[in-house]
Amino acid sequence: MAAGYPEAENIVWQTREGAELTEFEIGLSEALDAVFAAGVSDLTGIVDRFNGMDFRNREGDVWTAEGFEAEIKQLGS
């Protein structure tokens, strides 16, 4: 460990042992990166950007605010 820095801590919601990311999860991560890089961080804006960039939900449908919240909740459990 570098001098002067606290030891890193693995927080449960930041790690997922034994499970590789799915292609959908990788796509979601990349889509979120692009949306945040564009300065968008509100729920409506995220959903609008996803739909505008043709990034679909797991079922292949357009995103809704409720669907995005449910997906993030499920991924966080």
C-alpha atoms as a PDB file:
ATOM      1  CA  MET A   1       0.000   0.000   0.000  1.00  0.00           C
ATOM      2  CA  ALA A   2       1.224   3.487  -0.779  1.00  0.00           C
ATOM      3  CA  ALA A   3       2.262   5.573   2.183  1.00  0.00           C
ATOM      4  CA  GLY A   4      -0.381   8.009   3.341  1.00  0.00           C
ATOM      5  CA  TYR A   5      -3.340   6.226   1.724  1.00  0.00           C
ATOM      6  CA  PRO A   6      -5.869   4.134   3.621  1.00  0.00           C
ATOM      7  CA  GLU A   7      -6.276   0.498   2.644  1.00  0.00           C
ATOM      8  CA  ALA A   8      -8.880  -0.006  -0.081  1.00  0.00           C
ATOM      9  CA  GLU A   9     -12.174  -1.484   1.021  1.00  0.00           C
ATOM     10  CA  ASN A  10     -14.372  -3.664  -1.175  1.00  0.00           C
ATOM     11  CA  ILE A  11     -17.912  -2.498  -0.593  1.00  0.00           C
ATOM     12  CA  VAL A  12     -20.548  -5.150  -1.247  1.00  0.00           C
ATOM     13  CA  TRP A  13     -22.475  -3.118  -3.821  1.00  0.00           C
ATOM     14  CA  GLN A  14     -19.279  -2.419  -5.750  1.00  0.00           C
ATOM     15  CA  THR A  15     -18.231  -6.031  -6.133  1.00  0.00           C
ATOM     16  CA  ARG A  16     -19.795  -9.246  -7.325  1.00  0.00           C
ATOM     17  CA  GLU A  17     -17.693 -12.322  -6.766  1.00  0.00           C
ATOM     18  CA  GLY A  18     -17.946 -15.245  -9.121  1.00  0.00           C
ATOM     19  CA  ALA A  19     -20.168 -13.633 -11.743  1.00  0.00           C
ATOM     20  CA  GLU A  20     -18.952 -12.119 -14.972  1.00  0.00           C
ATOM     21  CA  LEU A  21     -20.836  -9.149 -16.374  1.00  0.00           C
ATOM     22  CA  THR A  22     -23.362 -10.022 -19.038  1.00  0.00           C
ATOM     23  CA  GLU A  23     -23.295  -8.332 -22.439  1.00  0.00           C
ATOM     24  CA  PHE A  24     -26.357  -6.343 -21.364  1.00  0.00           C
ATOM     25  CA  GLU A  25     -24.641  -5.161 -18.174  1.00  0.00           C
ATOM     26  CA  ILE A  26     -21.552  -4.113 -20.115  1.00  0.00           C
ATOM     27  CA  GLY A  27     -23.783  -2.225 -22.565  1.00  0.00           C
ATOM     28  CA  LEU A  28     -25.639  -0.572 -19.684  1.00  0.00           C
ATOM     29  CA  SER A  29     -22.351   0.526 -18.147  1.00  0.00           C
ATOM     30  CA  GLU A  30     -21.139   1.964 -21.444  1.00  0.00           C
ATOM     31  CA  ALA A  31     -24.463   3.704 -22.069  1.00  0.00           C
ATOM     32  CA  LEU A  32     -24.406   5.246 -18.587  1.00  0.00           C
ATOM     33  CA  ASP A  33     -20.828   6.424 -19.137  1.00  0.00           C
ATOM     34  CA  ALA A  34     -21.880   8.151 -22.355  1.00  0.00           C
ATOM     35  CA  VAL A  35     -24.937   9.747 -20.747  1.00  0.00           C
ATOM     36  CA  PHE A  36     -23.002  11.001 -17.726  1.00  0.00           C
ATOM     37  CA  ALA A  37     -20.203  12.301 -19.985  1.00  0.00           C
ATOM     38  CA  ALA A  38     -22.859  14.360 -21.780  1.00  0.00           C
ATOM     39  CA  GLY A  39     -23.730  15.978 -18.448  1.00  0.00           C
ATOM     40  CA  VAL A  40     -27.032  14.179 -17.971  1.00  0.00           C
ATOM     41  CA  SER A  41     -27.727  12.781 -14.511  1.00  0.00           C
ATOM     42  CA  ASP A  42     -31.469  13.048 -13.886  1.00  0.00           C
ATOM     43  CA  LEU A  43     -33.736  10.024 -14.333  1.00  0.00           C
ATOM     44  CA  THR A  44     -35.829  11.452 -17.161  1.00  0.00           C
ATOM     45  CA  GLY A  45     -32.721  12.584 -19.016  1.00  0.00           C
ATOM     46  CA  ILE A  46     -31.045   9.175 -18.662  1.00  0.00           C
ATOM     47  CA  VAL A  47     -34.121   7.372 -19.995  1.00  0.00           C
ATOM     48  CA  ASP A  48     -34.495   9.861 -22.861  1.00  0.00           C
ATOM     49  CA  ARG A  49     -30.821   9.486 -23.813  1.00  0.00           C
ATOM     50  CA  PHE A  50     -30.977   5.681 -23.693  1.00  0.00           C
ATOM     51  CA  ASN A  51     -33.990   5.686 -25.983  1.00  0.00           C
ATOM     52  CA  GLY A  52     -32.424   8.323 -28.245  1.00  0.00           C
ATOM     53  CA  MET A  53     -29.253   6.259 -28.651  1.00  0.00           C
ATOM     54  CA  ASP A  54     -31.350   3.146 -29.340  1.00  0.00           C
ATOM     55  CA  PHE A  55     -30.080   1.341 -26.222  1.00  0.00           C
ATOM     56  CA  ARG A  56     -32.915  -1.005 -25.244  1.00  0.00           C
ATOM     57  CA  ASN A  57     -33.743  -2.693 -21.955  1.00  0.00           C
ATOM     58  CA  ARG A  58     -33.257  -6.437 -21.335  1.00  0.00           C
ATOM     59  CA  GLU A  59     -36.499  -7.256 -23.089  1.00  0.00           C
ATOM     60  CA  GLY A  60     -35.556  -5.214 -26.151  1.00  0.00           C
ATOM     61  CA  ASP A  61     -38.105  -2.499 -25.381  1.00  0.00           C
ATOM     62  CA  VAL A  62     -37.682   1.241 -24.893  1.00  0.00           C
ATOM     63  CA  TRP A  63     -36.789   2.399 -21.420  1.00  0.00           C
ATOM     64  CA  THR A  64     -39.204   3.929 -18.945  1.00  0.00           C
ATOM     65  CA  ALA A  65     -38.293   5.630 -15.687  1.00  0.00           C
ATOM     66  CA  GLU A  66     -39.926   2.801 -13.746  1.00  0.00           C
ATOM     67  CA  GLY A  67     -38.094   0.166 -15.787  1.00  0.00           C
ATOM     68  CA  PHE A  68     -34.735   1.864 -15.270  1.00  0.00           C
ATOM     69  CA  GLU A  69     -35.286   2.117 -11.519  1.00  0.00           C
ATOM     70  CA  ALA A  70     -36.301  -1.566 -11.361  1.00  0.00           C
ATOM     71  CA  GLU A  71     -33.220  -2.624 -13.352  1.00  0.00           C
ATOM     72  CA  ILE A  72     -30.841  -0.661 -11.150  1.00  0.00           C
ATOM     73  CA  LYS A  73     -32.539  -2.002  -8.023  1.00  0.00           C
ATOM     74  CA  GLN A  74     -32.209  -5.569  -9.282  1.00  0.00           C
ATOM     75  CA  LEU A  75     -28.550  -5.086 -10.204  1.00  0.00           C
ATOM     76  CA  GLY A  76     -27.893  -3.641  -6.752  1.00  0.00           C
ATOM     77  CA  SER A  77     -29.385  -6.572  -4.884  1.00  0.00           C
END
